[in-house]
Amino acid sequence: MKKKIISIIAVIFVITTCIAPTASAALRASQFLTSYSSYIWPEGSGNMSIYFDVQGTGTMDEIGALSIRLQERPSGSSTWTTVKSYSHTDYNNMLSSNNSYYGSSVSYSGHAGYSYRAYITVWAGKNGSGDSREILTDTIVAK
């Protein structure tokens, strides 16, 4: 299972790298953040992984995600409900130190047939300053 996830991350990284010159210019947000992205991957049996990656403008003291807020919507409903919140203080894989790029993921066991999306607050900081942005993943339907 880990090899499959690593392979998927590698493919997405290569694809992202190929289109990065166009996307990076559009997403450059500050003197700390160059680009960032996120998505949810349905793993099956209601399970999913929420991925993010962040590119800094150089080597950052901290880089990654500060928080992730996962929402679900039952089939036929129009109401989104927050079902899980992740914080870098509880999940040490959400932030990295002394890197210019960082990507990672968290997992969730949901309900097959429900829709899911996540709000992710990405962050890059150096020398006591930094910047964050909140991004929203595309919506997926859990398998």
C-alpha atoms as a PDB file:
ATOM      1  CA  MET A   1       0.000   0.000   0.000  1.00  0.00           C
ATOM      2  CA  LYS A   2       2.855   2.414   0.866  1.00  0.00           C
ATOM      3  CA  LYS A   3       4.564   1.672  -2.460  1.00  0.00           C
ATOM      4  CA  LYS A   4       1.323   2.468  -4.295  1.00  0.00           C
ATOM      5  CA  ILE A   5       0.949   5.787  -2.470  1.00  0.00           C
ATOM      6  CA  ILE A   6       4.608   6.689  -3.051  1.00  0.00           C
ATOM      7  CA  SER A   7       4.222   5.850  -6.756  1.00  0.00           C
ATOM      8  CA  ILE A   8       1.110   8.025  -7.008  1.00  0.00           C
ATOM      9  CA  ILE A   9       2.870  10.918  -5.256  1.00  0.00           C
ATOM     10  CA  ALA A  10       5.860  10.547  -7.589  1.00  0.00           C
ATOM     11  CA  VAL A  11       3.675  10.647 -10.709  1.00  0.00           C
ATOM     12  CA  ILE A  12       1.800  13.696  -9.466  1.00  0.00           C
ATOM     13  CA  PHE A  13       5.074  15.413  -8.571  1.00  0.00           C
ATOM     14  CA  VAL A  14       6.424  14.808 -12.086  1.00  0.00           C
ATOM     15  CA  ILE A  15       3.219  16.118 -13.674  1.00  0.00           C
ATOM     16  CA  THR A  16       3.212  19.136 -11.367  1.00  0.00           C
ATOM     17  CA  THR A  17       6.868  19.811 -12.170  1.00  0.00           C
ATOM     18  CA  CYS A  18       6.111  19.770 -15.907  1.00  0.00           C
ATOM     19  CA  ILE A  19       3.427  22.448 -15.571  1.00  0.00           C
ATOM     20  CA  ALA A  20       5.073  24.319 -12.688  1.00  0.00           C
ATOM     21  CA  PRO A  21       6.554  27.194 -14.753  1.00  0.00           C
ATOM     22  CA  THR A  22       3.046  28.329 -15.710  1.00  0.00           C
ATOM     23  CA  ALA A  23       1.379  27.563 -12.368  1.00  0.00           C
ATOM     24  CA  SER A  24       4.169  28.978 -10.195  1.00  0.00           C
ATOM     25  CA  ALA A  25       3.970  32.437 -11.701  1.00  0.00           C
ATOM     26  CA  ALA A  26       0.216  32.540 -11.154  1.00  0.00           C
ATOM     27  CA  LEU A  27       0.349  31.194  -7.609  1.00  0.00           C
ATOM     28  CA  ARG A  28       3.310  33.156  -6.259  1.00  0.00           C
ATOM     29  CA  ALA A  29       1.683  34.582  -3.204  1.00  0.00           C
ATOM     30  CA  SER A  30       4.404  36.301  -1.231  1.00  0.00           C
ATOM     31  CA  GLN A  31       8.071  36.527  -0.439  1.00  0.00           C
ATOM     32  CA  PHE A  32       7.691  33.126   1.297  1.00  0.00           C
ATOM     33  CA  LEU A  33       5.321  31.082  -0.904  1.00  0.00           C
ATOM     34  CA  THR A  34       6.037  30.241  -4.533  1.00  0.00           C
ATOM     35  CA  SER A  35       3.339  27.624  -5.168  1.00  0.00           C
ATOM     36  CA  TYR A  36       1.095  25.149  -3.406  1.00  0.00           C
ATOM     37  CA  SER A  37      -1.476  22.504  -4.245  1.00  0.00           C
ATOM     38  CA  SER A  38      -3.727  19.930  -2.643  1.00  0.00           C
ATOM     39  CA  TYR A  39      -6.046  17.089  -3.522  1.00  0.00           C
ATOM     40  CA  ILE A  40      -7.944  14.160  -2.026  1.00  0.00           C
ATOM     41  CA  TRP A  41      -7.338  10.635  -3.277  1.00  0.00           C
ATOM     42  CA  PRO A  42     -10.091   8.010  -2.767  1.00  0.00           C
ATOM     43  CA  GLU A  43      -8.421   4.788  -1.577  1.00  0.00           C
ATOM     44  CA  GLY A  44     -11.543   2.587  -1.522  1.00  0.00           C
ATOM     45  CA  SER A  45     -13.815   1.254   1.245  1.00  0.00           C
ATOM     46  CA  GLY A  46     -14.566   4.863   2.213  1.00  0.00           C
ATOM     47  CA  ASN A  47     -10.890   5.555   2.963  1.00  0.00           C
ATOM     48  CA  MET A  48      -9.096   8.572   1.520  1.00  0.00           C
ATOM     49  CA  SER A  49      -5.806  10.441   1.684  1.00  0.00           C
ATOM     50  CA  ILE A  50      -5.573  14.234   1.722  1.00  0.00           C
ATOM     51  CA  TYR A  51      -2.356  15.443   0.074  1.00  0.00           C
ATOM     52  CA  PHE A  52      -0.695  18.841   0.004  1.00  0.00           C
ATOM     53  CA  ASP A  53       2.574  20.263  -1.230  1.00  0.00           C
ATOM     54  CA  VAL A  54       4.154  23.660  -0.707  1.00  0.00           C
ATOM     55  CA  GLN A  55       7.071  25.307  -2.524  1.00  0.00           C
ATOM     56  CA  GLY A  56       8.845  28.131  -0.745  1.00  0.00           C
ATOM     57  CA  THR A  57      10.900  30.903  -2.304  1.00  0.00           C
ATOM     58  CA  GLY A  58      14.004  29.388  -0.731  1.00  0.00           C
ATOM     59  CA  THR A  59      14.951  27.314   2.275  1.00  0.00           C
ATOM     60  CA  MET A  60      12.330  27.997   4.950  1.00  0.00           C
ATOM     61  CA  ASP A  61      12.543  27.497   8.712  1.00  0.00           C
ATOM     62  CA  GLU A  62       9.057  25.920   8.484  1.00  0.00           C
ATOM     63  CA  ILE A  63       7.074  24.816   5.459  1.00  0.00           C
ATOM     64  CA  GLY A  64       3.948  22.709   4.999  1.00  0.00           C
ATOM     65  CA  ALA A  65       0.377  22.869   6.295  1.00  0.00           C
ATOM     66  CA  LEU A  66      -0.817  24.428   9.538  1.00  0.00           C
ATOM     67  CA  SER A  67      -4.283  22.883   9.422  1.00  0.00           C
ATOM     68  CA  ILE A  68      -6.653  20.759   7.371  1.00  0.00           C
ATOM     69  CA  ARG A  69     -10.421  20.898   7.736  1.00  0.00           C
ATOM     70  CA  LEU A  70     -12.168  17.936   6.096  1.00  0.00           C
ATOM     71  CA  GLN A  71     -15.830  18.242   5.154  1.00  0.00           C
ATOM     72  CA  GLU A  72     -18.338  15.642   3.983  1.00  0.00           C
ATOM     73  CA  ARG A  73     -21.689  15.787   2.241  1.00  0.00           C
ATOM     74  CA  PRO A  74     -24.034  12.789   2.018  1.00  0.00           C
ATOM     75  CA  SER A  75     -25.349  11.857  -1.412  1.00  0.00           C
ATOM     76  CA  GLY A  76     -28.393  14.001  -2.245  1.00  0.00           C
ATOM     77  CA  SER A  77     -27.575  16.647   0.378  1.00  0.00           C
ATOM     78  CA  SER A  78     -26.406  20.213  -0.239  1.00  0.00           C
ATOM     79  CA  THR A  79     -24.994  20.677   3.281  1.00  0.00           C
ATOM     80  CA  TRP A  80     -21.279  20.333   4.015  1.00  0.00           C
ATOM     81  CA  THR A  81     -20.287  19.280   7.544  1.00  0.00           C
ATOM     82  CA  THR A  82     -16.782  19.420   9.027  1.00  0.00           C
ATOM     83  CA  VAL A  83     -15.980  15.867  10.140  1.00  0.00           C
ATOM     84  CA  LYS A  84     -12.271  16.097  10.991  1.00  0.00           C
ATOM     85  CA  SER A  85      -9.745  18.820  11.742  1.00  0.00           C
ATOM     86  CA  TYR A  86      -6.011  18.199  11.562  1.00  0.00           C
ATOM     87  CA  SER A  87      -3.457  20.523  13.151  1.00  0.00           C
ATOM     88  CA  HIS A  88       0.314  20.622  12.785  1.00  0.00           C
ATOM     89  CA  THR A  89       0.524  20.546  16.587  1.00  0.00           C
ATOM     90  CA  ASP A  90      -1.084  17.076  16.603  1.00  0.00           C
ATOM     91  CA  TYR A  91       0.263  15.682  13.304  1.00  0.00           C
ATOM     92  CA  ASN A  92       4.023  16.176  13.079  1.00  0.00           C
ATOM     93  CA  ASN A  93       4.095  15.207   9.377  1.00  0.00           C
ATOM     94  CA  MET A  94       2.288  18.415   8.390  1.00  0.00           C
ATOM     95  CA  LEU A  95       5.295  20.747   8.768  1.00  0.00           C
ATOM     96  CA  SER A  96       8.929  20.352   7.836  1.00  0.00           C
ATOM     97  CA  SER A  97      11.993  22.349   8.865  1.00  0.00           C
ATOM     98  CA  ASN A  98      14.812  23.771   6.766  1.00  0.00           C
ATOM     99  CA  ASN A  99      13.401  22.815   3.366  1.00  0.00           C
ATOM    100  CA  SER A 100      12.320  24.744   0.291  1.00  0.00           C
ATOM    101  CA  TYR A 101       9.653  22.171  -0.643  1.00  0.00           C
ATOM    102  CA  TYR A 102       7.448  19.888   1.426  1.00  0.00           C
ATOM    103  CA  GLY A 103       4.601  17.543   0.629  1.00  0.00           C
ATOM    104  CA  SER A 104       2.746  15.096   2.853  1.00  0.00           C
ATOM    105  CA  SER A 105      -0.669  13.602   3.543  1.00  0.00           C
ATOM    106  CA  VAL A 106      -3.141  12.585   6.224  1.00  0.00           C
ATOM    107  CA  SER A 107      -5.732   9.812   6.065  1.00  0.00           C
ATOM    108  CA  TYR A 108      -9.414   9.577   6.855  1.00  0.00           C
ATOM    109  CA  SER A 109     -11.881   6.710   6.969  1.00  0.00           C
ATOM    110  CA  GLY A 110     -15.208   7.993   5.676  1.00  0.00           C
ATOM    111  CA  HIS A 111     -18.318   6.656   3.988  1.00  0.00           C
ATOM    112  CA  ALA A 112     -18.440   5.250   0.464  1.00  0.00           C
ATOM    113  CA  GLY A 113     -20.752   7.354  -1.710  1.00  0.00           C
ATOM    114  CA  TYR A 114     -20.298  10.544   0.341  1.00  0.00           C
ATOM    115  CA  SER A 115     -18.619  13.627  -1.156  1.00  0.00           C
ATOM    116  CA  TYR A 116     -15.523  15.065   0.519  1.00  0.00           C
ATOM    117  CA  ARG A 117     -13.460  18.235   0.252  1.00  0.00           C
ATOM    118  CA  ALA A 118     -10.781  19.830   2.421  1.00  0.00           C
ATOM    119  CA  TYR A 119      -9.671  23.336   3.297  1.00  0.00           C
ATOM    120  CA  ILE A 120      -5.909  23.362   3.824  1.00  0.00           C
ATOM    121  CA  THR A 121      -3.936  26.243   5.314  1.00  0.00           C
ATOM    122  CA  VAL A 122      -0.445  26.110   3.805  1.00  0.00           C
ATOM    123  CA  TRP A 123       2.470  27.937   5.402  1.00  0.00           C
ATOM    124  CA  ALA A 124       6.072  28.951   4.811  1.00  0.00           C
ATOM    125  CA  GLY A 125       8.082  30.892   7.352  1.00  0.00           C
ATOM    126  CA  LYS A 126      11.610  32.153   7.924  1.00  0.00           C
ATOM    127  CA  ASN A 127      13.342  34.295  10.521  1.00  0.00           C
ATOM    128  CA  GLY A 128      10.197  34.881  12.568  1.00  0.00           C
ATOM    129  CA  SER A 129       8.030  35.924   9.601  1.00  0.00           C
ATOM    130  CA  GLY A 130       5.937  33.952   7.173  1.00  0.00           C
ATOM    131  CA  ASP A 131       2.799  33.704   5.139  1.00  0.00           C
ATOM    132  CA  SER A 132      -0.155  31.352   4.835  1.00  0.00           C
ATOM    133  CA  ARG A 133      -2.936  30.738   2.336  1.00  0.00           C
ATOM    134  CA  GLU A 134      -6.120  28.689   2.617  1.00  0.00           C
ATOM    135  CA  ILE A 135      -6.817  26.468  -0.374  1.00  0.00           C
ATOM    136  CA  LEU A 136      -9.737  24.194  -1.169  1.00  0.00           C
ATOM    137  CA  THR A 137      -9.341  20.770  -2.759  1.00  0.00           C
ATOM    138  CA  ASP A 138     -11.591  19.530  -5.518  1.00  0.00           C
ATOM    139  CA  THR A 139     -14.556  17.476  -4.345  1.00  0.00           C
ATOM    140  CA  ILE A 140     -14.300  13.681  -4.559  1.00  0.00           C
ATOM    141  CA  VAL A 141     -16.801  10.916  -3.957  1.00  0.00           C
ATOM    142  CA  ALA A 142     -15.451   8.214  -1.644  1.00  0.00           C
ATOM    143  CA  LYS A 143     -15.394   4.753  -3.174  1.00  0.00           C
END
